[in-house]
Structure formats: C-alpha cells, structure tokens
Amino acid sequence: MQIYLPIAELSVNLFFLVGIGGAVGFLSGLFGVGGGFLLTPLLIFSGVPTAVAVASVTGQVVASSTSGALGYYRRGGIDLHLAMYLVLSSVVGAFGGVAAFALLQQAGQLDLVISLGFVVLLGFVGVIMLQESVRSLLKRRQGIVVRDRQAHKHTWMHGLPLRVRFKKSRLYISVLPVLAIGLFIGFVGSLLGVGGGFIMVPALVYLLRVPGNVVIGTSLAQVVAMMAVTNILYSVQSQSVDIMLAFCLMVGGVAGAQFGAAAGKHLRGEQLRGLLALLVLAVAIRFGLSLVLTPADEFSMAVTSMVR
C-alpha cells in the first residue's frame, strides 16, 4: 500500500514506514533510549531527503518521549529544577542548530555535515559504550563485583562558581556545566534530528553525578521540551516537517516500544549496553562508507541562486 509524503515528495509503502517505526520503537524499549539517532539514519538510507528526515523525526521523538516523561513525573522521578536549566539552555542551542541547518541547506552542504556529524558522534559514543560494557562483562566473569559510581563523589566541575542547590537530586553544584550540557545537546539534537538522550544520560551520571532515580526522567523532560521547540522551528522556518511521515513512524514506534520493554527484562545491563554500542557503531560505519564510496548517482539537482 503506497502513500504519498507531500513534503518529502516521495511515495513510500505504508507498512514499510510503520515497520521502521516499530523496529526503532522495539530497540528504544529494549535499550531504554530514544530512537532518533537510529530513525533519522534509517530514513536517510531509505531515500527520504535529509532535511525532511531530520525535521520529521523531531515530532516522533516528542510523541515517544512524552509518555515516558509523564510516567516518571507521576512516580516523582524528575528533578524539575534541574530540568528547567537544561530546557532553557537546550532551547537556546536548538535555535542555533536550526539556524545552522538553514545555512548549510542554502550552501548545499547539509548532507555532508549530517553524515560527518553522525560518524563522529555515534562513533565516539559507540566506542565508549562498547569499552565500558566489555570491561564490565570481563570483571563479572572474573568474579569482580562491579559497583556503580558514587553519585555524590565530587569532581572538578563541583568547584566552579554560581552554585545552585538541586534538592531532588541532592546536589549543590555550579549551573555552568549544566547549561553547557544543555546547550550542546540542544544544538546537536536539533541539527541532526536526535533527542540526545543517549548523550544526556551519561553526561548527567558521569559528569554531574545525578542520582539514577531521577536521571532518566529528567533527561526525558528535557528531550520533550527541546524537540517540541525544534519541531515548531522547522515547521515555521523551512516547512520540512512531513506530518504524514511522522504519524506513520509514531504508530509503529508506540507498538514496538512495548515489545522492546518486555524483551529487555531478560538481558543484563552490560549485555544491553554492548548490543547498543554495536548497533551505534554499525550506523556510524554505514555513514562513513557513504562518504568514501562512489554513489550510484553521481549527479544531483539543487536550487542555486541566480545573479541577475
């Protein structure tokens, strides 16, 4: 069953789109992360224009993250004070990311920068995650007890000025690294069309020592607000959000996430992190190959400005 995507100007099989959304939703539920960093590359590899893929995925990320954020809010798993600082700085970063997106699109360099961004970002995160998971698995096999990092152990970041007390997280830290993390996630997330949760959660845990009982909920709250603003900016500025595409992805994602969450209960944390790292590295390698291999179509059509 073919459907026409008006913004992408492309006819795609409906079951294919729902299937992609379901597959990414399953992986999101399995690994406990947002699927934007997987969904955007899959759409690009499937022939959807890069600009439409990046912009449309923002709506799907908002929908998939909202239910999770509400669940954590009802259980008291969100530090609203910390989330407020992250949201404010990430929204500022989102404005910068959308502006950079428009400039790159006008210069005809958007596809190249998006590919390089995914190669660097996913490659770095994938290597770090794979090293940590392999190290944990080896220690467990040797009988060494793997302990979580101490949530309240101070680092050099805790000595910075402008300290603020976050009661929910039981932290008294400088807001400067909090704002810097939010600004970076907002810029990268809006430019690449990813929620940024797979970067935000490790940053909050390992850099700021945010307790595990509030870190995921706080990250989800930040993702919902940031991606909602990003979706509006893309809709108004470049009109590149394809509602039909986003809706099909949402339908599949909601269903797939339920099965993924159930399957994830049968795997250990180290195994999940290892599998996710391999998946992230596979996507990074795929983007890297697209940069060095000769494309099937060596010519492209682009609108260029004409001097009269």
Protein backbone atom coordinates (compact mmCIF):
# COMPACT_ATOMS: atom_id res chain seq x y z
CA MET A 1 0.00 0.00 0.00
CA GLN A 2 1.70 3.14 -1.24
CA ILE A 3 1.18 6.54 0.40
CA TYR A 4 2.43 9.88 -0.81
CA LEU A 5 4.53 12.02 1.50
CA PRO A 6 3.75 15.61 0.43
CA ILE A 7 6.78 17.31 1.98
CA ALA A 8 9.26 14.61 1.04
CA GLU A 9 7.65 14.42 -2.44
CA LEU A 10 8.03 10.66 -2.31
CA SER A 11 5.74 7.62 -2.49
CA VAL A 12 6.55 5.04 0.18
CA ASN A 13 4.96 1.78 1.27
CA LEU A 14 2.83 2.38 4.37
CA PHE A 15 3.81 -0.91 6.01
CA PHE A 16 7.46 -0.12 5.40
CA LEU A 17 7.20 3.15 7.34
CA VAL A 18 5.22 1.58 10.16
CA GLY A 19 7.73 -1.27 10.20
CA ILE A 20 10.68 1.12 10.52
CA GLY A 21 8.90 2.93 13.34
CA GLY A 22 8.12 -0.38 15.03
CA ALA A 23 11.69 -1.65 14.71
CA VAL A 24 13.15 1.55 16.17
CA GLY A 25 10.46 1.57 18.85
CA PHE A 26 11.39 -2.01 19.77
CA LEU A 27 15.06 -1.05 20.06
CA SER A 28 14.14 2.04 22.08
CA GLY A 29 12.12 -0.04 24.53
CA LEU A 30 14.84 -2.71 24.63
CA PHE A 31 17.73 -0.34 25.35
CA GLY A 32 15.83 2.41 27.20
CA VAL A 33 16.91 5.25 24.87
CA GLY A 34 15.20 7.48 22.37
CA GLY A 35 15.26 6.24 18.79
CA GLY A 36 16.05 9.49 16.99
CA PHE A 37 19.71 8.61 16.44
CA LEU A 38 18.57 5.41 14.71
CA LEU A 39 15.42 6.60 12.97
CA THR A 40 16.97 9.58 11.19
CA PRO A 41 19.74 7.48 9.56
CA LEU A 42 17.26 4.76 8.55
CA LEU A 43 15.06 7.30 6.80
CA ILE A 44 18.04 8.83 5.02
CA PHE A 45 19.25 5.39 3.91
CA SER A 46 15.69 4.66 2.66
CA GLY A 47 15.73 7.62 0.27
CA VAL A 48 13.94 10.28 2.33
CA PRO A 49 15.61 13.68 1.81
CA THR A 50 17.95 14.56 4.66
CA ALA A 51 16.16 17.80 5.53
CA VAL A 52 12.75 16.08 5.74
CA ALA A 53 14.12 13.14 7.72
CA VAL A 54 15.78 15.34 10.33
CA ALA A 55 12.77 17.64 10.74
CA SER A 56 10.08 14.94 10.74
CA VAL A 57 11.78 12.74 13.31
CA THR A 58 11.55 15.57 15.85
CA GLY A 59 7.78 15.09 16.05
CA GLN A 60 8.14 11.34 16.52
CA VAL A 61 10.69 11.85 19.30
CA VAL A 62 8.34 14.24 21.11
CA ALA A 63 5.46 11.76 20.94
CA SER A 64 7.52 8.76 22.05
CA SER A 65 9.21 10.65 24.91
CA THR A 66 6.09 12.32 26.29
CA SER A 67 4.51 9.14 27.63
CA GLY A 68 7.74 8.14 29.33
CA ALA A 69 8.22 11.59 30.85
CA LEU A 70 4.66 11.58 32.23
CA GLY A 71 5.24 8.18 33.79
CA TYR A 72 8.40 9.34 35.54
CA TYR A 73 6.66 12.54 36.66
CA ARG A 74 3.85 10.59 38.32
CA ARG A 75 6.44 8.49 40.15
CA GLY A 76 8.42 11.57 41.23
CA GLY A 77 11.37 10.66 39.03
CA ILE A 78 12.02 14.12 37.55
CA ASP A 79 14.12 16.90 39.07
CA LEU A 80 12.07 19.82 37.74
CA HIS A 81 14.59 22.40 38.97
CA LEU A 82 17.46 20.73 37.12
CA ALA A 83 15.25 20.09 34.09
CA MET A 84 14.39 23.79 33.93
CA TYR A 85 18.04 24.79 33.48
CA LEU A 86 18.58 22.04 30.92
CA VAL A 87 15.47 23.03 28.97
CA LEU A 88 16.35 26.73 28.88
CA SER A 89 19.89 26.15 27.64
CA SER A 90 18.88 23.40 25.19
CA VAL A 91 16.20 25.62 23.65
CA VAL A 92 18.85 28.27 23.04
CA GLY A 93 21.02 25.57 21.48
CA ALA A 94 18.07 24.44 19.35
CA PHE A 95 17.72 27.92 17.86
CA GLY A 96 21.40 27.77 16.93
CA GLY A 97 21.08 24.27 15.48
CA VAL A 98 18.07 25.18 13.32
CA ALA A 99 19.86 28.33 12.12
CA ALA A 100 22.95 26.27 11.22
CA PHE A 101 20.67 23.76 9.47
CA ALA A 102 19.22 26.52 7.27
CA LEU A 103 22.65 27.93 6.42
CA LEU A 104 24.03 24.51 5.49
CA GLN A 105 20.95 23.79 3.39
CA GLN A 106 21.38 27.03 1.46
CA ALA A 107 25.08 26.28 0.92
CA GLY A 108 24.30 22.77 -0.31
CA GLN A 109 26.45 21.16 2.37
CA LEU A 110 23.70 19.76 4.63
CA ASP A 111 24.05 16.10 3.62
CA LEU A 112 27.82 16.17 4.09
CA VAL A 113 27.69 17.79 7.53
CA ILE A 114 24.89 15.50 8.73
CA SER A 115 26.86 12.43 7.64
CA LEU A 116 30.06 13.68 9.28
CA GLY A 117 28.12 14.56 12.42
CA PHE A 118 26.69 11.07 12.73
CA VAL A 119 30.06 9.44 12.05
CA VAL A 120 31.84 11.46 14.74
CA LEU A 121 29.04 11.47 17.32
CA LEU A 122 27.90 7.86 17.01
CA GLY A 123 31.45 6.59 16.55
CA PHE A 124 32.65 8.28 19.73
CA VAL A 125 29.65 7.25 21.83
CA GLY A 126 29.68 3.71 20.45
CA VAL A 127 33.36 3.15 21.25
CA ILE A 128 32.97 4.48 24.81
CA MET A 129 29.88 2.33 25.45
CA LEU A 130 31.49 -0.79 23.97
CA GLN A 131 34.62 -0.37 26.09
CA GLU A 132 32.58 0.05 29.27
CA SER A 133 30.32 -2.93 28.57
CA VAL A 134 33.23 -5.24 27.66
CA ARG A 135 35.13 -4.17 30.78
CA SER A 136 32.09 -4.85 32.97
CA LEU A 137 31.49 -8.27 31.39
CA LEU A 138 35.13 -9.30 31.87
CA LYS A 139 35.11 -8.22 35.51
CA ARG A 140 31.89 -10.13 36.14
CA ARG A 141 33.36 -13.31 34.62
CA GLN A 142 36.43 -12.92 36.83
CA GLY A 143 34.19 -12.67 39.88
CA ILE A 144 34.90 -9.00 40.49
CA VAL A 145 31.89 -7.11 41.84
CA VAL A 146 31.04 -4.20 39.56
CA ARG A 147 29.89 -1.26 41.64
CA ASP A 148 28.09 1.82 40.36
CA ARG A 149 29.91 5.11 40.51
CA GLN A 150 29.28 7.11 43.64
CA ALA A 151 26.53 9.59 42.91
CA HIS A 152 27.85 12.29 45.26
CA LYS A 153 31.58 12.00 44.67
CA HIS A 154 32.86 15.47 43.80
CA THR A 155 34.77 16.27 40.62
CA TRP A 156 36.45 19.44 39.38
CA MET A 157 33.11 20.62 37.99
CA HIS A 158 31.70 20.90 41.50
CA GLY A 159 34.26 23.61 42.29
CA LEU A 160 33.01 26.03 39.63
CA PRO A 161 31.20 29.25 40.66
CA LEU A 162 27.46 30.03 40.51
CA ARG A 163 26.41 27.04 42.56
CA VAL A 164 22.77 26.09 42.86
CA ARG A 165 21.15 23.52 45.14
CA PHE A 166 19.06 20.88 43.38
CA LYS A 167 17.10 19.33 46.23
CA LYS A 168 15.55 16.48 44.26
CA SER A 169 18.95 15.31 43.07
CA ARG A 170 20.59 16.16 46.42
CA LEU A 171 23.28 18.16 44.61
CA TYR A 172 24.91 21.52 45.22
CA ILE A 173 26.79 22.26 42.02
CA SER A 174 27.59 25.04 39.59
CA VAL A 175 25.00 25.73 36.90
CA LEU A 176 27.73 26.38 34.32
CA PRO A 177 28.28 22.71 33.34
CA VAL A 178 24.50 22.15 33.45
CA LEU A 179 23.94 24.99 30.99
CA ALA A 180 26.85 23.85 28.81
CA ILE A 181 25.48 20.30 28.57
CA GLY A 182 22.00 21.57 27.68
CA LEU A 183 23.38 23.99 25.09
CA PHE A 184 25.43 21.26 23.39
CA ILE A 185 22.57 18.73 23.38
CA GLY A 186 20.17 21.36 22.01
CA PHE A 187 22.47 22.31 19.15
CA VAL A 188 23.45 18.78 18.15
CA GLY A 189 19.96 17.33 18.70
CA SER A 190 18.23 19.93 16.53
CA LEU A 191 20.86 19.81 13.79
CA LEU A 192 20.95 16.00 13.49
CA GLY A 193 17.34 15.27 14.42
CA VAL A 194 18.16 13.22 17.53
CA GLY A 195 16.73 13.57 21.00
CA GLY A 196 20.15 13.39 22.58
CA GLY A 197 19.13 11.17 25.48
CA PHE A 198 21.95 8.71 24.73
CA ILE A 199 24.35 11.63 25.37
CA MET A 200 22.41 13.41 28.11
CA VAL A 201 22.05 10.43 30.44
CA PRO A 202 25.81 9.56 30.55
CA ALA A 203 26.65 13.26 30.93
CA LEU A 204 24.33 13.67 33.91
CA VAL A 205 25.54 10.46 35.55
CA TYR A 206 29.29 10.65 34.98
CA LEU A 207 29.87 14.41 34.91
CA LEU A 208 27.30 15.84 37.32
CA ARG A 209 26.74 12.69 39.45
CA VAL A 210 22.95 12.95 39.21
CA PRO A 211 21.30 10.01 41.07
CA GLY A 212 19.95 7.21 38.89
CA ASN A 213 16.41 7.51 40.25
CA VAL A 214 15.90 10.90 38.58
CA VAL A 215 18.36 10.94 35.68
CA ILE A 216 16.21 9.23 33.03
CA GLY A 217 13.04 11.16 33.86
CA THR A 218 14.91 14.48 33.90
CA SER A 219 16.52 13.66 30.55
CA LEU A 220 13.13 12.76 29.03
CA ALA A 221 11.60 16.03 30.25
CA GLN A 222 14.42 17.97 28.60
CA VAL A 223 14.06 16.00 25.36
CA VAL A 224 10.30 16.62 25.14
CA ALA A 225 10.64 20.38 25.58
CA MET A 226 13.67 20.79 23.32
CA MET A 227 12.34 18.66 20.46
CA ALA A 228 8.91 20.30 20.63
CA VAL A 229 10.54 23.70 20.12
CA THR A 230 12.74 22.24 17.37
CA ASN A 231 9.72 20.78 15.60
CA ILE A 232 7.96 24.17 15.64
CA LEU A 233 11.08 25.94 14.37
CA TYR A 234 11.46 23.53 11.46
CA SER A 235 7.75 23.79 10.64
CA VAL A 236 7.85 27.58 10.52
CA GLN A 237 11.30 28.23 9.06
CA SER A 238 11.81 25.54 6.43
CA GLN A 239 8.40 23.78 6.23
CA SER A 240 10.28 20.46 6.14
CA VAL A 241 8.19 18.54 8.70
CA ASP A 242 6.17 15.85 6.92
CA ILE A 243 3.17 15.17 9.17
CA MET A 244 2.18 12.01 7.33
CA LEU A 245 5.67 10.59 7.71
CA ALA A 246 5.85 11.48 11.40
CA PHE A 247 2.41 9.96 12.09
CA CYS A 248 3.29 6.61 10.47
CA LEU A 249 6.50 6.46 12.48
CA MET A 250 4.63 7.24 15.72
CA VAL A 251 2.12 4.42 15.16
CA GLY A 252 4.86 1.84 14.69
CA GLY A 253 7.05 3.25 17.45
CA VAL A 254 4.38 3.11 20.15
CA ALA A 255 3.62 -0.55 19.43
CA GLY A 256 7.26 -1.61 19.06
CA ALA A 257 8.34 0.05 22.32
CA GLN A 258 6.00 -2.18 24.34
CA PHE A 259 7.54 -5.37 22.95
CA GLY A 260 11.07 -3.99 23.36
CA ALA A 261 10.50 -3.13 27.02
CA ALA A 262 9.26 -6.67 27.68
CA ALA A 263 12.24 -8.24 25.89
CA GLY A 264 14.74 -6.03 27.72
CA LYS A 265 13.83 -7.63 31.07
CA HIS A 266 15.62 -10.84 30.02
CA LEU A 267 19.01 -9.20 29.38
CA ARG A 268 21.60 -7.77 31.79
CA GLY A 269 22.66 -4.15 31.73
CA GLU A 270 26.14 -4.93 30.40
CA GLN A 271 24.68 -7.03 27.59
CA LEU A 272 22.22 -4.29 26.64
CA ARG A 273 24.95 -1.64 26.56
CA GLY A 274 27.16 -3.90 24.45
CA LEU A 275 24.44 -4.61 21.90
CA LEU A 276 23.50 -0.94 21.73
CA ALA A 277 27.16 0.02 21.23
CA LEU A 278 27.47 -2.42 18.31
CA LEU A 279 24.29 -1.00 16.77
CA VAL A 280 25.52 2.58 17.16
CA LEU A 281 28.88 1.70 15.62
CA ALA A 282 27.16 -0.05 12.71
CA VAL A 283 25.22 3.12 11.88
CA ALA A 284 28.41 5.21 12.16
CA ILE A 285 30.25 2.84 9.80
CA ARG A 286 27.37 3.00 7.31
CA PHE A 287 27.57 6.78 7.25
CA GLY A 288 31.34 6.61 6.95
CA LEU A 289 31.09 4.34 3.91
CA SER A 290 28.65 6.74 2.27
CA LEU A 291 31.33 9.43 2.50
CA VAL A 292 34.07 7.44 0.77
CA LEU A 293 32.24 5.17 -1.67
CA THR A 294 31.13 6.40 -5.09
CA PRO A 295 27.34 6.88 -5.09
CA ALA A 296 25.13 5.13 -7.61
CA ASP A 297 24.02 8.53 -8.91
CA GLU A 298 26.99 10.84 -9.27
CA PHE A 299 24.85 13.84 -10.14
CA SER A 300 22.39 15.80 -8.02
CA MET A 301 19.89 18.56 -8.63
CA ALA A 302 19.93 21.58 -6.31
CA VAL A 303 18.43 25.04 -6.42
CA THR A 304 21.15 27.62 -6.76
CA SER A 305 20.87 31.36 -6.53
CA MET A 306 20.97 33.30 -9.80
CA VAL A 307 22.64 36.66 -10.13
CA ARG A 308 20.56 38.96 -12.28
